[in-house]
Amino acid sequence: MVNRRRITAALIGLIVLVIGGWAVKNAVSDNKPQSSSSVTGTQLPQNSHASTPVPGFDSGLQVKALSSLPSQAADTWKLIRAGGPFPYPRNDNVVYQNRNKVLPIRQADFYHEFTVKTLGSSDRGARRLITGQGNELFYTADHYDTFVVVDPNR
């Protein structure tokens, strides 16, 4: 009877290890290296070890390459990394409050927002890059309704 319990416990342990390994492999396999620097109180992605996932990948949001977004997003990213100047100084690099709670819940000043210009728009438009103090970079094309995690190295 003791041998059956040991065998059962060993099989259950093996199954847990296999499932855990599979989950870790899937979580890491679709992500590229990250990058990070700092802009006036905001942490931004910077080059790091190749096996490190993109900051924010664990949010459950889709990860997209910066190069797959509108070219104005890359322009905004360059301004963020340079510390400005921003086209809307009263609205850029201000705290994003995450009222819709689409992004992971963090302390009040964790996220900062930046305008991504929309060609032909008479106002700021709906597109934004959101940075997080944990090196996250998010993009929304629909004024905070939906987001993707941005991999600025691709």
Protein backbone atom coordinates (compact mmCIF):
# COMPACT_ATOMS: atom_id res chain seq x y z
CA MET A 1 0.00 0.00 0.00
CA VAL A 2 2.89 2.39 0.84
CA ASN A 3 4.49 1.73 -2.57
CA ARG A 4 1.27 2.66 -4.39
CA ARG A 5 1.11 5.96 -2.49
CA ARG A 6 4.72 6.75 -3.35
CA ILE A 7 4.16 5.94 -7.01
CA THR A 8 0.98 8.04 -7.09
CA ALA A 9 2.73 10.95 -5.37
CA ALA A 10 5.66 10.67 -7.79
CA LEU A 11 3.33 10.68 -10.82
CA ILE A 12 1.41 13.68 -9.54
CA GLY A 13 4.70 15.51 -8.92
CA LEU A 14 5.89 14.66 -12.42
CA ILE A 15 2.65 15.92 -13.97
CA VAL A 16 2.89 19.19 -12.02
CA LEU A 17 6.50 19.66 -13.18
CA VAL A 18 5.62 19.00 -16.83
CA ILE A 19 2.65 21.40 -16.77
CA GLY A 20 4.72 24.07 -14.97
CA GLY A 21 7.56 23.75 -17.49
CA TRP A 22 5.13 23.98 -20.38
CA ALA A 23 3.52 27.13 -18.92
CA VAL A 24 6.88 28.83 -18.40
CA LYS A 25 8.05 27.90 -21.90
CA ASN A 26 4.89 29.35 -23.48
CA ALA A 27 5.07 32.54 -21.42
CA VAL A 28 8.68 33.23 -22.44
CA SER A 29 8.83 31.92 -26.01
CA ASP A 30 6.89 34.76 -27.70
CA ASN A 31 8.81 37.61 -26.09
CA LYS A 32 11.91 39.52 -27.13
CA PRO A 33 14.48 41.52 -25.17
CA GLN A 34 13.49 44.72 -23.43
CA SER A 35 14.95 48.19 -23.10
CA SER A 36 14.87 50.92 -20.38
CA SER A 37 15.98 54.44 -19.49
CA SER A 38 14.52 57.28 -17.50
CA VAL A 39 12.55 60.40 -18.31
CA THR A 40 11.53 62.79 -15.59
CA GLY A 41 10.36 60.18 -13.10
CA THR A 42 9.28 57.62 -15.70
CA GLN A 43 11.13 54.35 -16.18
CA LEU A 44 11.44 53.20 -19.78
CA PRO A 45 12.64 49.99 -21.47
CA GLN A 46 16.41 49.50 -22.07
CA ASN A 47 18.56 46.71 -23.57
CA SER A 48 18.85 43.68 -21.36
CA HIS A 49 19.50 39.94 -21.47
CA ALA A 50 18.02 38.25 -24.57
CA SER A 51 15.97 35.74 -22.56
CA THR A 52 14.22 38.48 -20.54
CA PRO A 53 10.62 38.99 -21.64
CA VAL A 54 9.28 42.40 -22.64
CA PRO A 55 8.12 44.33 -19.56
CA GLY A 56 4.34 44.13 -19.35
CA PHE A 57 4.06 40.76 -21.15
CA ASP A 58 2.54 39.31 -17.99
CA SER A 59 -0.42 41.71 -18.28
CA GLY A 60 -2.13 39.27 -20.63
CA LEU A 61 -2.18 41.87 -23.40
CA GLN A 62 -0.90 41.13 -26.89
CA VAL A 63 2.76 42.06 -27.49
CA LYS A 64 3.43 44.04 -30.68
CA ALA A 65 6.61 45.34 -32.23
CA LEU A 66 7.03 49.11 -32.24
CA SER A 67 7.71 48.81 -35.98
CA SER A 68 4.20 47.36 -36.50
CA LEU A 69 2.52 50.45 -35.03
CA PRO A 70 1.90 53.71 -36.91
CA SER A 71 5.19 55.52 -37.60
CA GLN A 72 4.09 58.36 -35.31
CA ALA A 73 4.36 55.92 -32.36
CA ALA A 74 8.07 55.49 -33.11
CA ASP A 75 8.41 59.29 -33.33
CA THR A 76 6.80 59.62 -29.89
CA TRP A 77 9.04 56.87 -28.51
CA LYS A 78 12.11 58.80 -29.71
CA LEU A 79 10.84 61.94 -27.97
CA ILE A 80 10.22 59.98 -24.76
CA ARG A 81 13.75 58.59 -24.79
CA ALA A 82 15.17 62.06 -25.49
CA GLY A 83 13.13 63.63 -22.68
CA GLY A 84 11.10 65.80 -25.07
CA PRO A 85 10.18 68.34 -26.17
CA PHE A 86 6.67 66.99 -26.48
CA PRO A 87 4.04 68.36 -28.88
CA TYR A 88 1.48 68.75 -26.08
CA PRO A 89 3.56 69.79 -23.04
CA ARG A 90 0.51 70.19 -20.78
CA ASN A 91 -0.75 66.70 -21.64
CA ASP A 92 2.40 64.66 -22.29
CA ASN A 93 4.42 62.98 -19.53
CA VAL A 94 1.52 63.38 -17.12
CA VAL A 95 0.24 60.64 -14.84
CA TYR A 96 -2.10 58.19 -16.56
CA GLN A 97 -4.65 57.11 -13.97
CA ASN A 98 -5.76 53.79 -15.54
CA ARG A 99 -9.40 54.52 -14.65
CA ASN A 100 -10.69 51.77 -16.96
CA LYS A 101 -8.31 49.32 -15.26
CA VAL A 102 -7.30 47.80 -18.61
CA LEU A 103 -3.64 47.95 -17.60
CA PRO A 104 -2.39 46.11 -14.53
CA ILE A 105 -3.41 47.91 -11.32
CA ARG A 106 -0.49 49.82 -9.79
CA GLN A 107 0.01 52.82 -7.48
CA ALA A 108 -1.46 56.11 -8.64
CA ASP A 109 1.66 57.60 -10.26
CA PHE A 110 2.96 54.39 -11.87
CA TYR A 111 1.97 55.19 -15.48
CA HIS A 112 2.64 58.26 -17.64
CA GLU A 113 1.01 59.05 -20.97
CA PHE A 114 2.31 60.56 -24.20
CA THR A 115 0.41 61.66 -27.31
CA VAL A 116 0.97 59.78 -30.56
CA LYS A 117 0.09 62.29 -33.26
CA THR A 118 -2.77 61.40 -35.57
CA LEU A 119 -2.27 62.88 -39.03
CA GLY A 120 -5.25 64.94 -40.16
CA SER A 121 -6.68 65.27 -36.65
CA SER A 122 -7.53 68.76 -35.43
CA ASP A 123 -6.88 67.74 -31.82
CA ARG A 124 -4.59 65.29 -29.98
CA GLY A 125 -6.44 62.32 -31.42
CA ALA A 126 -6.97 59.02 -29.60
CA ARG A 127 -3.53 57.41 -29.84
CA ARG A 128 -1.20 57.25 -26.82
CA LEU A 129 1.93 55.56 -25.56
CA ILE A 130 1.81 54.74 -21.85
CA THR A 131 5.02 54.10 -19.92
CA GLY A 132 5.25 52.34 -16.58
CA GLN A 133 7.78 52.57 -13.78
CA GLY A 134 8.45 48.86 -14.24
CA ASN A 135 9.83 49.53 -17.78
CA GLU A 136 6.47 48.78 -19.44
CA LEU A 137 5.45 50.41 -22.71
CA PHE A 138 1.81 50.21 -23.85
CA TYR A 139 0.00 51.59 -26.90
CA THR A 140 -3.66 52.47 -27.36
CA ALA A 141 -5.19 53.55 -30.65
CA ASP A 142 -8.69 54.05 -29.23
CA HIS A 143 -8.26 56.44 -26.29
CA TYR A 144 -7.62 53.87 -23.56
CA ASP A 145 -10.29 51.29 -24.48
CA THR A 146 -7.75 48.68 -25.58
CA PHE A 147 -3.98 48.35 -25.21
CA VAL A 148 -1.08 46.29 -26.52
CA VAL A 149 2.32 45.82 -24.93
CA VAL A 150 4.99 47.40 -27.13
CA ASP A 151 8.36 45.81 -27.77
CA PRO A 152 10.48 48.86 -28.66
CA ASN A 153 13.36 46.67 -29.88
CA ARG A 154 11.39 45.25 -32.78
